[in-house]
PDB file of N, CA and C in Angstrom:
ATOM      1  N   UNK A   1      53.056  55.631  77.282  1.00  0.00           N
ATOM      2  CA  UNK A   1      53.800  56.776  77.611  1.00  0.00           C
ATOM      3  C   UNK A   1      53.076  58.040  77.552  1.00  0.00           C
ATOM      4  N   UNK A   2      53.155  58.834  78.698  1.00  0.00           N
ATOM      5  CA  UNK A   2      52.403  59.872  78.627  1.00  0.00           C
ATOM      6  C   UNK A   2      53.321  61.247  78.297  1.00  0.00           C
ATOM      7  N   UNK A   3      52.521  61.962  77.652  1.00  0.00           N
ATOM      8  CA  UNK A   3      53.082  63.371  77.059  1.00  0.00           C
ATOM      9  C   UNK A   3      53.096  64.499  78.251  1.00  0.00           C
ATOM     10  N   UNK A   4      54.081  65.145  78.225  1.00  0.00           N
ATOM     11  CA  UNK A   4      54.079  66.285  79.143  1.00  0.00           C
ATOM     12  C   UNK A   4      53.216  67.444  78.595  1.00  0.00           C
ATOM     13  N   UNK A   5      52.439  68.021  79.583  1.00  0.00           N
ATOM     14  CA  UNK A   5      51.852  69.129  79.109  1.00  0.00           C
ATOM     15  C   UNK A   5      51.602  70.330  80.140  1.00  0.00           C
ATOM     16  N   UNK A   6      51.544  71.563  79.754  1.00  0.00           N
ATOM     17  CA  UNK A   6      51.541  72.652  80.512  1.00  0.00           C
ATOM     18  C   UNK A   6      50.047  73.260  80.371  1.00  0.00           C
ATOM     19  N   UNK A   7      49.680  73.829  81.671  1.00  0.00           N
ATOM     20  CA  UNK A   7      48.255  74.443  81.564  1.00  0.00           C
ATOM     21  C   UNK A   7      48.437  75.667  80.952  1.00  0.00           C
ATOM     22  N   UNK A   8      47.307  76.325  80.421  1.00  0.00           N
ATOM     23  CA  UNK A   8      47.388  77.595  79.803  1.00  0.00           C
ATOM     24  C   UNK A   8      47.954  78.720  80.683  1.00  0.00           C
ATOM     25  N   UNK A   9      47.699  78.654  81.972  1.00  0.00           N
ATOM     26  CA  UNK A   9      47.948  79.602  82.970  1.00  0.00           C
ATOM     27  C   UNK A   9      49.631  79.668  82.982  1.00  0.00           C
ATOM     28  N   UNK A  10      50.047  78.540  83.279  1.00  0.00           N
ATOM     29  CA  UNK A  10      51.457  78.232  83.477  1.00  0.00           C
ATOM     30  C   UNK A  10      52.216  78.814  82.188  1.00  0.00           C
ATOM     31  N   UNK A  11      51.806  78.261  81.056  1.00  0.00           N
ATOM     32  CA  UNK A  11      52.380  78.835  79.759  1.00  0.00           C
ATOM     33  C   UNK A  11      52.347  80.299  79.615  1.00  0.00           C
ATOM     34  N   UNK A  12      51.258  80.941  79.947  1.00  0.00           N
ATOM     35  CA  UNK A  12      51.156  82.333  79.834  1.00  0.00           C
ATOM     36  C   UNK A  12      52.223  83.050  80.663  1.00  0.00           C
ATOM     37  N   UNK A  13      52.370  82.475  82.073  1.00  0.00           N
ATOM     38  CA  UNK A  13      53.320  83.075  82.968  1.00  0.00           C
ATOM     39  C   UNK A  13      54.693  82.953  82.340  1.00  0.00           C
ATOM     40  N   UNK A  14      55.021  81.885  81.776  1.00  0.00           N
ATOM     41  CA  UNK A  14      56.370  81.625  81.151  1.00  0.00           C
ATOM     42  C   UNK A  14      56.564  82.440  80.020  1.00  0.00           C
ATOM     43  N   UNK A  15      55.674  82.786  79.170  1.00  0.00           N
ATOM     44  CA  UNK A  15      55.828  83.854  78.234  1.00  0.00           C
ATOM     45  C   UNK A  15      55.889  85.085  78.694  1.00  0.00           C
ATOM     46  N   UNK A  16      55.365  85.521  79.732  1.00  0.00           N
ATOM     47  CA  UNK A  16      55.455  86.781  80.341  1.00  0.00           C
ATOM     48  C   UNK A  16      56.784  87.013  80.986  1.00  0.00           C
ATOM     49  N   UNK A  17      57.271  85.848  81.592  1.00  0.00           N
ATOM     50  CA  UNK A  17      58.554  86.083  82.098  1.00  0.00           C
ATOM     51  C   UNK A  17      59.735  86.243  81.002  1.00  0.00           C
ATOM     52  N   UNK A  18      59.510  85.523  79.981  1.00  0.00           N
ATOM     53  CA  UNK A  18      60.321  85.579  79.026  1.00  0.00           C
ATOM     54  C   UNK A  18      60.424  87.010  78.440  1.00  0.00           C
ATOM     55  N   UNK A  19      59.320  87.648  78.246  1.00  0.00           N
ATOM     56  CA  UNK A  19      59.105  88.949  77.655  1.00  0.00           C
ATOM     57  C   UNK A  19      59.687  89.946  78.556  1.00  0.00           C
ATOM     58  N   UNK A  20      59.412  89.803  79.984  1.00  0.00           N
ATOM     59  CA  UNK A  20      60.035  90.748  80.767  1.00  0.00           C
ATOM     60  C   UNK A  20      61.536  90.508  80.954  1.00  0.00           C
ATOM     61  N   UNK A  21      62.140  89.426  80.528  1.00  0.00           N
ATOM     62  CA  UNK A  21      63.579  89.204  80.697  1.00  0.00           C
ATOM     63  C   UNK A  21      64.107  90.210  79.513  1.00  0.00           C
ATOM     64  N   UNK A  22      63.544  90.390  78.488  1.00  0.00           N
ATOM     65  CA  UNK A  22      64.129  91.313  77.475  1.00  0.00           C
ATOM     66  C   UNK A  22      64.223  92.632  77.900  1.00  0.00           C
ATOM     67  N   UNK A  23      63.406  93.089  78.808  1.00  0.00           N
ATOM     68  CA  UNK A  23      63.728  94.472  79.581  1.00  0.00           C
ATOM     69  C   UNK A  23      64.678  94.539  80.595  1.00  0.00           C
ATOM     70  N   UNK A  24      64.744  93.438  81.388  1.00  0.00           N
ATOM     71  CA  UNK A  24      65.867  93.437  82.525  1.00  0.00           C
ATOM     72  C   UNK A  24      67.230  93.133  82.089  1.00  0.00           C
ATOM     73  N   UNK A  25      67.348  92.444  80.925  1.00  0.00           N
ATOM     74  CA  UNK A  25      68.758  92.132  80.609  1.00  0.00           C
ATOM     75  C   UNK A  25      69.287  93.297  79.830  1.00  0.00           C
ATOM     76  N   UNK A  26      70.678  93.376  79.834  1.00  0.00           N
ATOM     77  CA  UNK A  26      71.285  94.506  79.083  1.00  0.00           C
ATOM     78  C   UNK A  26      72.388  93.908  78.371  1.00  0.00           C
ATOM     79  N   UNK A  27      72.680  94.517  77.314  1.00  0.00           N
ATOM     80  CA  UNK A  27      73.796  94.089  76.377  1.00  0.00           C
ATOM     81  C   UNK A  27      75.311  94.207  77.095  1.00  0.00           C
ATOM     82  N   UNK A  28      76.036  93.245  76.702  1.00  0.00           N
ATOM     83  CA  UNK A  28      77.315  93.299  77.191  1.00  0.00           C
ATOM     84  C   UNK A  28      78.172  94.460  76.377  1.00  0.00           C
ATOM     85  N   UNK A  29      79.167  94.736  76.996  1.00  0.00           N
ATOM     86  CA  UNK A  29      80.151  95.643  76.447  1.00  0.00           C
ATOM     87  C   UNK A  29      81.389  94.811  75.795  1.00  0.00           C
ATOM     88  N   UNK A  30      82.128  95.554  74.967  1.00  0.00           N
ATOM     89  CA  UNK A  30      83.335  94.893  74.285  1.00  0.00           C
ATOM     90  C   UNK A  30      84.270  94.207  75.349  1.00  0.00           C
ATOM     91  N   UNK A  31      84.282  95.120  76.595  1.00  0.00           N
ATOM     92  CA  UNK A  31      85.417  94.466  77.514  1.00  0.00           C
ATOM     93  C   UNK A  31      85.007  93.383  78.168  1.00  0.00           C
ATOM     94  N   UNK A  32      83.727  92.933  78.081  1.00  0.00           N
ATOM     95  CA  UNK A  32      83.310  91.691  78.797  1.00  0.00           C
ATOM     96  C   UNK A  32      84.004  90.482  78.126  1.00  0.00           C
ATOM     97  N   UNK A  33      84.468  90.635  77.028  1.00  0.00           N
ATOM     98  CA  UNK A  33      85.080  89.345  76.242  1.00  0.00           C
ATOM     99  C   UNK A  33      86.763  89.562  76.151  1.00  0.00           C
ATOM    100  N   UNK A  34      87.120  90.509  76.859  1.00  0.00           N
ATOM    101  CA  UNK A  34      88.512  90.765  77.023  1.00  0.00           C
ATOM    102  C   UNK A  34      89.411  89.638  77.415  1.00  0.00           C
ATOM    103  N   UNK A  35      88.714  88.749  78.376  1.00  0.00           N
ATOM    104  CA  UNK A  35      89.546  87.666  78.822  1.00  0.00           C
ATOM    105  C   UNK A  35      90.154  86.695  77.751  1.00  0.00           C
ATOM    106  N   UNK A  36      89.392  86.816  76.574  1.00  0.00           N
ATOM    107  CA  UNK A  36      89.893  85.888  75.521  1.00  0.00           C
ATOM    108  C   UNK A  36      91.328  86.285  74.787  1.00  0.00           C
ATOM    109  N   UNK A  37      91.418  87.625  74.800  1.00  0.00           N
ATOM    110  CA  UNK A  37      92.738  88.305  74.262  1.00  0.00           C
ATOM    111  C   UNK A  37      93.717  88.750  75.274  1.00  0.00           C
ATOM    112  N   UNK A  38      93.050  88.891  76.649  1.00  0.00           N
ATOM    113  CA  UNK A  38      94.093  89.445  77.650  1.00  0.00           C
ATOM    114  C   UNK A  38      94.833  88.223  78.197  1.00  0.00           C
ATOM    115  N   UNK A  39      96.062  88.008  77.707  1.00  0.00           N
ATOM    116  CA  UNK A  39      96.922  86.990  77.895  1.00  0.00           C
ATOM    117  C   UNK A  39      98.235  87.306  78.478  1.00  0.00           C
ATOM    118  N   UNK A  40      98.199  88.622  79.053  1.00  0.00           N
ATOM    119  CA  UNK A  40      99.474  89.064  79.551  1.00  0.00           C
ATOM    120  C   UNK A  40      99.946  88.205  80.819  1.00  0.00           C
ATOM    121  N   UNK A  41      99.056  87.769  81.626  1.00  0.00           N
ATOM    122  CA  UNK A  41      99.439  87.120  82.736  1.00  0.00           C
ATOM    123  C   UNK A  41     100.135  85.691  82.428  1.00  0.00           C
ATOM    124  N   UNK A  42     100.034  85.190  81.119  1.00  0.00           N
ATOM    125  CA  UNK A  42     100.716  83.963  80.870  1.00  0.00           C
ATOM    126  C   UNK A  42     102.342  84.001  80.923  1.00  0.00           C
ATOM    127  N   UNK A  43     102.767  85.288  80.853  1.00  0.00           N
ATOM    128  CA  UNK A  43     104.255  85.520  80.971  1.00  0.00           C
ATOM    129  C   UNK A  43     104.854  84.975  82.327  1.00  0.00           C
ATOM    130  N   UNK A  44     104.023  85.180  83.367  1.00  0.00           N
ATOM    131  CA  UNK A  44     104.319  84.875  84.629  1.00  0.00           C
ATOM    132  C   UNK A  44     103.580  83.679  85.222  1.00  0.00           C
ATOM    133  N   UNK A  45     103.748  82.434  84.379  1.00  0.00           N
ATOM    134  CA  UNK A  45     103.124  81.246  84.968  1.00  0.00           C
ATOM    135  C   UNK A  45     104.013  80.150  85.236  1.00  0.00           C
ATOM    136  N   UNK A  46     103.587  79.519  86.330  1.00  0.00           N
ATOM    137  CA  UNK A  46     104.296  78.347  86.623  1.00  0.00           C
ATOM    138  C   UNK A  46     103.679  77.145  85.832  1.00  0.00           C
ATOM    139  N   UNK A  47     104.500  76.195  85.119  1.00  0.00           N
ATOM    140  CA  UNK A  47     103.910  75.172  84.192  1.00  0.00           C
ATOM    141  C   UNK A  47     103.973  73.949  85.308  1.00  0.00           C
ATOM    142  N   UNK A  48     102.813  73.185  85.343  1.00  0.00           N
ATOM    143  CA  UNK A  48     102.845  71.898  86.078  1.00  0.00           C
ATOM    144  C   UNK A  48     102.222  70.819  85.028  1.00  0.00           C
ATOM    145  N   UNK A  49     103.023  69.761  85.161  1.00  0.00           N
ATOM    146  CA  UNK A  49     102.427  68.709  84.243  1.00  0.00           C
ATOM    147  C   UNK A  49     101.456  67.760  85.057  1.00  0.00           C
ATOM    148  N   UNK A  50     100.480  67.310  84.310  1.00  0.00           N
ATOM    149  CA  UNK A  50      99.469  66.345  84.974  1.00  0.00           C
ATOM    150  C   UNK A  50      99.297  65.154  84.021  1.00  0.00           C
ATOM    151  N   UNK A  51      99.609  63.864  84.663  1.00  0.00           N
ATOM    152  CA  UNK A  51      99.446  62.909  83.791  1.00  0.00           C
ATOM    153  C   UNK A  51      98.151  61.860  84.481  1.00  0.00           C
ATOM    154  N   UNK A  52      97.247  61.669  83.438  1.00  0.00           N
ATOM    155  CA  UNK A  52      96.059  60.906  83.817  1.00  0.00           C
ATOM    156  C   UNK A  52      95.843  59.729  82.909  1.00  0.00           C
ATOM    157  N   UNK A  53      95.490  58.649  83.389  1.00  0.00           N
ATOM    158  CA  UNK A  53      95.098  57.406  82.527  1.00  0.00           C
ATOM    159  C   UNK A  53      93.611  57.579  82.202  1.00  0.00           C
ATOM    160  N   UNK A  54      93.321  57.558  80.845  1.00  0.00           N
ATOM    161  CA  UNK A  54      92.040  57.607  80.444  1.00  0.00           C
ATOM    162  C   UNK A  54      91.991  56.709  79.034  1.00  0.00           C
ATOM    163  N   UNK A  55      90.946  55.848  79.060  1.00  0.00           N
ATOM    164  CA  UNK A  55      90.637  54.952  78.097  1.00  0.00           C
ATOM    165  C   UNK A  55      92.026  54.259  77.461  1.00  0.00           C
ATOM    166  N   UNK A  56      92.704  53.782  78.380  1.00  0.00           N
ATOM    167  CA  UNK A  56      93.810  52.962  78.090  1.00  0.00           C
ATOM    168  C   UNK A  56      95.214  53.646  77.613  1.00  0.00           C
ATOM    169  N   UNK A  57      95.055  55.003  77.675  1.00  0.00           N
ATOM    170  CA  UNK A  57      96.090  55.856  77.315  1.00  0.00           C
ATOM    171  C   UNK A  57      96.538  56.807  78.328  1.00  0.00           C
ATOM    172  N   UNK A  58      97.724  57.184  78.401  1.00  0.00           N
ATOM    173  CA  UNK A  58      98.270  58.223  79.331  1.00  0.00           C
ATOM    174  C   UNK A  58      98.083  59.499  78.809  1.00  0.00           C
ATOM    175  N   UNK A  59      97.241  60.422  79.441  1.00  0.00           N
ATOM    176  CA  UNK A  59      97.094  61.718  78.630  1.00  0.00           C
ATOM    177  C   UNK A  59      98.052  62.686  79.587  1.00  0.00           C
ATOM    178  N   UNK A  60      98.830  63.593  78.740  1.00  0.00           N
ATOM    179  CA  UNK A  60      99.749  64.668  79.316  1.00  0.00           C
ATOM    180  C   UNK A  60      98.831  65.966  79.272  1.00  0.00           C
ATOM    181  N   UNK A  61      98.659  66.507  80.534  1.00  0.00           N
ATOM    182  CA  UNK A  61      98.058  67.807  80.554  1.00  0.00           C
ATOM    183  C   UNK A  61      99.081  68.738  81.089  1.00  0.00           C
ATOM    184  N   UNK A  62      99.072  70.154  80.674  1.00  0.00           N
ATOM    185  CA  UNK A  62      99.847  70.981  81.112  1.00  0.00           C
ATOM    186  C   UNK A  62      99.112  72.138  81.837  1.00  0.00           C
ATOM    187  N   UNK A  63      99.327  72.405  83.058  1.00  0.00           N
ATOM    188  CA  UNK A  63      98.519  73.467  83.691  1.00  0.00           C
ATOM    189  C   UNK A  63      99.430  74.763  83.801  1.00  0.00           C
ATOM    190  N   UNK A  64      98.948  75.782  83.319  1.00  0.00           N
ATOM    191  CA  UNK A  64      99.608  77.172  83.538  1.00  0.00           C
ATOM    192  C   UNK A  64      98.834  77.999  84.588  1.00  0.00           C
ATOM    193  N   UNK A  65      99.596  78.165  85.734  1.00  0.00           N
ATOM    194  CA  UNK A  65      99.210  78.968  86.762  1.00  0.00           C
ATOM    195  C   UNK A  65      99.954  80.106  87.069  1.00  0.00           C
ATOM    196  N   UNK A  66      99.215  81.250  87.195  1.00  0.00           N
ATOM    197  CA  UNK A  66     100.017  82.511  87.636  1.00  0.00           C
ATOM    198  C   UNK A  66     100.470  82.213  88.983  1.00  0.00           C
ATOM    199  N   UNK A  67     101.877  82.735  89.205  1.00  0.00           N
ATOM    200  CA  UNK A  67     102.386  82.499  90.282  1.00  0.00           C
ATOM    201  C   UNK A  67     101.924  83.403  91.513  1.00  0.00           C
ATOM    202  N   UNK A  68     101.443  84.441  91.090  1.00  0.00           N
ATOM    203  CA  UNK A  68     100.928  85.410  92.184  1.00  0.00           C
ATOM    204  C   UNK A  68      99.446  85.276  92.497  1.00  0.00           C
ATOM    205  N   UNK A  69      98.593  84.923  91.524  1.00  0.00           N
ATOM    206  CA  UNK A  69      97.259  84.722  91.682  1.00  0.00           C
ATOM    207  C   UNK A  69      97.022  83.239  91.129  1.00  0.00           C
ATOM    208  N   UNK A  70      97.157  82.162  92.007  1.00  0.00           N
ATOM    209  CA  UNK A  70      96.915  80.831  91.466  1.00  0.00           C
ATOM    210  C   UNK A  70      95.770  80.438  91.005  1.00  0.00           C
ATOM    211  N   UNK A  71      94.647  81.356  91.300  1.00  0.00           N
ATOM    212  CA  UNK A  71      93.326  80.876  90.794  1.00  0.00           C
ATOM    213  C   UNK A  71      93.168  81.281  89.205  1.00  0.00           C
ATOM    214  N   UNK A  72      94.170  82.116  88.715  1.00  0.00           N
ATOM    215  CA  UNK A  72      94.182  82.190  87.243  1.00  0.00           C
ATOM    216  C   UNK A  72      95.012  81.183  86.753  1.00  0.00           C
ATOM    217  N   UNK A  73      94.277  80.152  85.926  1.00  0.00           N
ATOM    218  CA  UNK A  73      94.896  79.067  85.382  1.00  0.00           C
ATOM    219  C   UNK A  73      94.207  78.521  84.294  1.00  0.00           C
ATOM    220  N   UNK A  74      95.080  77.803  83.420  1.00  0.00           N
ATOM    221  CA  UNK A  74      94.550  77.197  82.151  1.00  0.00           C
ATOM    222  C   UNK A  74      95.049  75.810  82.259  1.00  0.00           C
ATOM    223  N   UNK A  75      94.320  74.883  81.864  1.00  0.00           N
ATOM    224  CA  UNK A  75      94.712  73.413  81.788  1.00  0.00           C
ATOM    225  C   UNK A  75      94.435  72.892  80.277  1.00  0.00           C
ATOM    226  N   UNK A  76      95.447  72.369  79.642  1.00  0.00           N
ATOM    227  CA  UNK A  76      95.355  72.045  78.207  1.00  0.00           C
ATOM    228  C   UNK A  76      95.836  70.653  78.104  1.00  0.00           C
ATOM    229  N   UNK A  77      95.228  69.744  77.210  1.00  0.00           N
ATOM    230  CA  UNK A  77      95.579  68.559  76.917  1.00  0.00           C
ATOM    231  C   UNK A  77      96.573  68.631  75.699  1.00  0.00           C
ATOM    232  N   UNK A  78      97.915  68.017  76.155  1.00  0.00           N
ATOM    233  CA  UNK A  78      98.892  68.187  75.273  1.00  0.00           C
ATOM    234  C   UNK A  78      99.109  66.958  74.320  1.00  0.00           C
ATOM    235  N   UNK A  79      99.110  65.777  74.873  1.00  0.00           N
ATOM    236  CA  UNK A  79      99.586  64.734  74.136  1.00  0.00           C
ATOM    237  C   UNK A  79      98.935  63.315  74.708  1.00  0.00           C
ATOM    238  N   UNK A  80      99.078  62.246  74.142  1.00  0.00           N
ATOM    239  CA  UNK A  80      98.774  60.794  74.891  1.00  0.00           C
ATOM    240  C   UNK A  80      99.836  60.009  74.614  1.00  0.00           C
ATOM    241  N   UNK A  81     100.085  58.998  75.437  1.00  0.00           N
ATOM    242  CA  UNK A  81     101.262  58.094  75.367  1.00  0.00           C
ATOM    243  C   UNK A  81     100.576  56.827  75.682  1.00  0.00           C
ATOM    244  N   UNK A  82     101.173  55.653  74.998  1.00  0.00           N
ATOM    245  CA  UNK A  82     100.846  54.374  75.551  1.00  0.00           C
ATOM    246  C   UNK A  82     101.213  53.809  76.729  1.00  0.00           C
ATOM    247  N   UNK A  83     102.473  54.362  77.185  1.00  0.00           N
ATOM    248  CA  UNK A  83     102.976  53.739  78.462  1.00  0.00           C
ATOM    249  C   UNK A  83     103.333  54.930  79.573  1.00  0.00           C
ATOM    250  N   UNK A  84     103.146  54.641  80.715  1.00  0.00           N
ATOM    251  CA  UNK A  84     103.241  55.635  81.783  1.00  0.00           C
ATOM    252  C   UNK A  84     104.707  56.143  81.840  1.00  0.00           C
ATOM    253  N   UNK A  85     105.678  55.427  81.751  1.00  0.00           N
ATOM    254  CA  UNK A  85     107.097  55.966  81.789  1.00  0.00           C
ATOM    255  C   UNK A  85     107.332  56.832  80.524  1.00  0.00           C
ATOM    256  N   UNK A  86     106.878  56.634  79.473  1.00  0.00           N
ATOM    257  CA  UNK A  86     106.898  57.415  78.339  1.00  0.00           C
ATOM    258  C   UNK A  86     106.201  58.869  78.420  1.00  0.00           C
ATOM    259  N   UNK A  87     105.062  58.612  79.181  1.00  0.00           N
ATOM    260  CA  UNK A  87     104.242  59.799  79.478  1.00  0.00           C
ATOM    261  C   UNK A  87     105.055  60.744  80.469  1.00  0.00           C
ATOM    262  N   UNK A  88     105.584  60.249  81.415  1.00  0.00           N
ATOM    263  CA  UNK A  88     106.318  60.960  82.359  1.00  0.00           C
ATOM    264  C   UNK A  88     107.459  61.569  81.714  1.00  0.00           C
ATOM    265  N   UNK A  89     108.248  60.908  81.042  1.00  0.00           N
ATOM    266  CA  UNK A  89     109.448  61.502  80.266  1.00  0.00           C
ATOM    267  C   UNK A  89     108.994  62.623  79.298  1.00  0.00           C
ATOM    268  N   UNK A  90     107.889  62.322  78.492  1.00  0.00           N
ATOM    269  CA  UNK A  90     107.516  63.450  77.491  1.00  0.00           C
ATOM    270  C   UNK A  90     106.814  64.647  78.404  1.00  0.00           C
ATOM    271  N   UNK A  91     106.250  64.393  79.385  1.00  0.00           N
ATOM    272  CA  UNK A  91     105.587  65.501  80.213  1.00  0.00           C
ATOM    273  C   UNK A  91     106.780  66.528  80.647  1.00  0.00           C
ATOM    274  N   UNK A  92     107.834  65.930  81.266  1.00  0.00           N
ATOM    275  CA  UNK A  92     108.883  66.733  81.724  1.00  0.00           C
ATOM    276  C   UNK A  92     109.583  67.491  80.661  1.00  0.00           C
ATOM    277  N   UNK A  93     109.751  66.979  79.590  1.00  0.00           N
ATOM    278  CA  UNK A  93     110.265  67.825  78.366  1.00  0.00           C
ATOM    279  C   UNK A  93     109.398  68.807  77.994  1.00  0.00           C
ATOM    280  N   UNK A  94     108.070  68.528  77.941  1.00  0.00           N
ATOM    281  CA  UNK A  94     107.044  69.564  77.560  1.00  0.00           C
ATOM    282  C   UNK A  94     106.786  70.538  78.527  1.00  0.00           C
ATOM    283  N   UNK A  95     106.863  70.323  79.746  1.00  0.00           N
ATOM    284  CA  UNK A  95     106.950  71.301  80.833  1.00  0.00           C
ATOM    285  C   UNK A  95     107.874  72.330  80.607  1.00  0.00           C
ATOM    286  N   UNK A  96     109.317  71.847  80.483  1.00  0.00           N
ATOM    287  CA  UNK A  96     110.338  72.609  80.447  1.00  0.00           C
ATOM    288  C   UNK A  96     110.334  73.510  79.188  1.00  0.00           C
ATOM    289  N   UNK A  97     109.829  72.969  77.970  1.00  0.00           N
ATOM    290  CA  UNK A  97     109.588  73.689  76.721  1.00  0.00           C
ATOM    291  C   UNK A  97     108.576  74.974  76.952  1.00  0.00           C
ATOM    292  N   UNK A  98     107.647  74.537  77.579  1.00  0.00           N
ATOM    293  CA  UNK A  98     106.516  75.596  77.696  1.00  0.00           C
ATOM    294  C   UNK A  98     106.719  76.532  78.768  1.00  0.00           C
ATOM    295  N   UNK A  99     107.486  76.273  79.774  1.00  0.00           N
ATOM    296  CA  UNK A  99     107.745  77.288  80.920  1.00  0.00           C
ATOM    297  C   UNK A  99     108.676  78.466  80.361  1.00  0.00           C
ATOM    298  N   UNK A 100     107.979  79.648  80.672  1.00  0.00           N
ATOM    299  CA  UNK A 100     108.831  80.893  80.188  1.00  0.00           C
ATOM    300  C   UNK A 100     110.077  81.049  80.976  1.00  0.00           C
ATOM    301  N   UNK A 101     110.058  80.439  82.395  1.00  0.00           N
ATOM    302  CA  UNK A 101     111.376  80.582  83.145  1.00  0.00           C
ATOM    303  C   UNK A 101     111.782  79.122  83.157  1.00  0.00           C
ATOM    304  N   UNK A 102     112.870  79.039  82.268  1.00  0.00           N
ATOM    305  CA  UNK A 102     113.538  77.799  82.092  1.00  0.00           C
ATOM    306  C   UNK A 102     114.000  77.068  83.351  1.00  0.00           C
ATOM    307  N   UNK A 103     114.447  78.035  84.309  1.00  0.00           N
ATOM    308  CA  UNK A 103     115.107  77.484  85.547  1.00  0.00           C
ATOM    309  C   UNK A 103     114.026  76.831  86.431  1.00  0.00           C
ATOM    310  N   UNK A 104     112.803  77.229  86.109  1.00  0.00           N
ATOM    311  CA  UNK A 104     111.780  76.456  86.848  1.00  0.00           C
ATOM    312  C   UNK A 104     111.573  77.015  88.374  1.00  0.00           C
ATOM    313  N   UNK A 105     111.957  78.494  88.505  1.00  0.00           N
ATOM    314  CA  UNK A 105     111.729  79.102  89.846  1.00  0.00           C
ATOM    315  C   UNK A 105     110.624  79.665  90.073  1.00  0.00           C
ATOM    316  N   UNK A 106     109.592  79.715  89.121  1.00  0.00           N
ATOM    317  CA  UNK A 106     108.227  80.309  89.459  1.00  0.00           C
ATOM    318  C   UNK A 106     107.493  78.860  89.962  1.00  0.00           C
ATOM    319  N   UNK A 107     106.928  79.043  91.220  1.00  0.00           N
ATOM    320  CA  UNK A 107     106.212  77.958  91.840  1.00  0.00           C
ATOM    321  C   UNK A 107     104.817  78.568  92.261  1.00  0.00           C
ATOM    322  N   UNK A 108     103.919  77.514  92.487  1.00  0.00           N
ATOM    323  CA  UNK A 108     102.707  77.916  93.035  1.00  0.00           C
ATOM    324  C   UNK A 108     102.534  77.020  94.310  1.00  0.00           C
ATOM    325  N   UNK A 109     102.327  77.613  95.382  1.00  0.00           N
ATOM    326  CA  UNK A 109     102.170  76.841  96.616  1.00  0.00           C
ATOM    327  C   UNK A 109     100.519  76.744  96.999  1.00  0.00           C
ATOM    328  N   UNK A 110     100.249  75.707  97.858  1.00  0.00           N
ATOM    329  CA  UNK A 110      99.056  75.321  97.997  1.00  0.00           C
ATOM    330  C   UNK A 110      98.376  76.357  99.146  1.00  0.00           C
ATOM    331  N   UNK A 111      99.345  77.053  99.864  1.00  0.00           N
ATOM    332  CA  UNK A 111      99.015  77.970 100.878  1.00  0.00           C
ATOM    333  C   UNK A 111      98.368  79.432 100.074  1.00  0.00           C
ATOM    334  N   UNK A 112      98.773  79.496  98.882  1.00  0.00           N
ATOM    335  CA  UNK A 112      98.526  80.730  98.181  1.00  0.00           C
ATOM    336  C   UNK A 112      96.875  80.684  97.943  1.00  0.00           C
ATOM    337  N   UNK A 113      96.148  79.443  97.850  1.00  0.00           N
ATOM    338  CA  UNK A 113      95.032  79.331  97.505  1.00  0.00           C
ATOM    339  C   UNK A 113      94.046  79.696  98.613  1.00  0.00           C
ATOM    340  N   UNK A 114      94.542  79.602  99.836  1.00  0.00           N
ATOM    341  CA  UNK A 114      93.720  80.157 101.082  1.00  0.00           C
ATOM    342  C   UNK A 114      92.570  79.259 101.292  1.00  0.00           C
ATOM    343  N   UNK A 115      92.864  77.883 101.112  1.00  0.00           N
ATOM    344  CA  UNK A 115      91.945  76.777 101.419  1.00  0.00           C
ATOM    345  C   UNK A 115      91.901  76.357 102.924  1.00  0.00           C
ATOM    346  N   UNK A 116      90.754  75.984 103.386  1.00  0.00           N
ATOM    347  CA  UNK A 116      90.607  75.546 104.765  1.00  0.00           C
ATOM    348  C   UNK A 116      90.082  74.105 104.684  1.00  0.00           C
ATOM    349  N   UNK A 117      91.093  73.125 104.952  1.00  0.00           N
ATOM    350  CA  UNK A 117      90.649  71.796 104.603  1.00  0.00           C
ATOM    351  C   UNK A 117      90.175  71.048 105.797  1.00  0.00           C
ATOM    352  N   UNK A 118      89.577  71.834 106.790  1.00  0.00           N
ATOM    353  CA  UNK A 118      89.074  71.161 108.008  1.00  0.00           C
ATOM    354  C   UNK A 118      87.679  71.160 107.900  1.00  0.00           C
TER     355      UNK A 118
END
């Protein structure tokens, strides 16, 4: 088994690049982490259930997507069920409970993504 080694020249260049990175990088602002607390858009989300079979169990995921900007979304694992029928029934209940609009009028259309499938 051979060991990996660097020549002194390459090692020196790597150290120099790391040192130069200190001068080119800049510190972040408080505003850079606002996405963690900026959850105003969750008020206007369509809730979509997603059921996936993994490791012998049916996982229920809820996807929260903003109805105007569908690229803004969060997907969360909610629960696991042993049967598909129970997972479908539970997912429907969970979707209705999680939706801010109980009537289900907030929808996300595939056209909103601006995808070209050709």
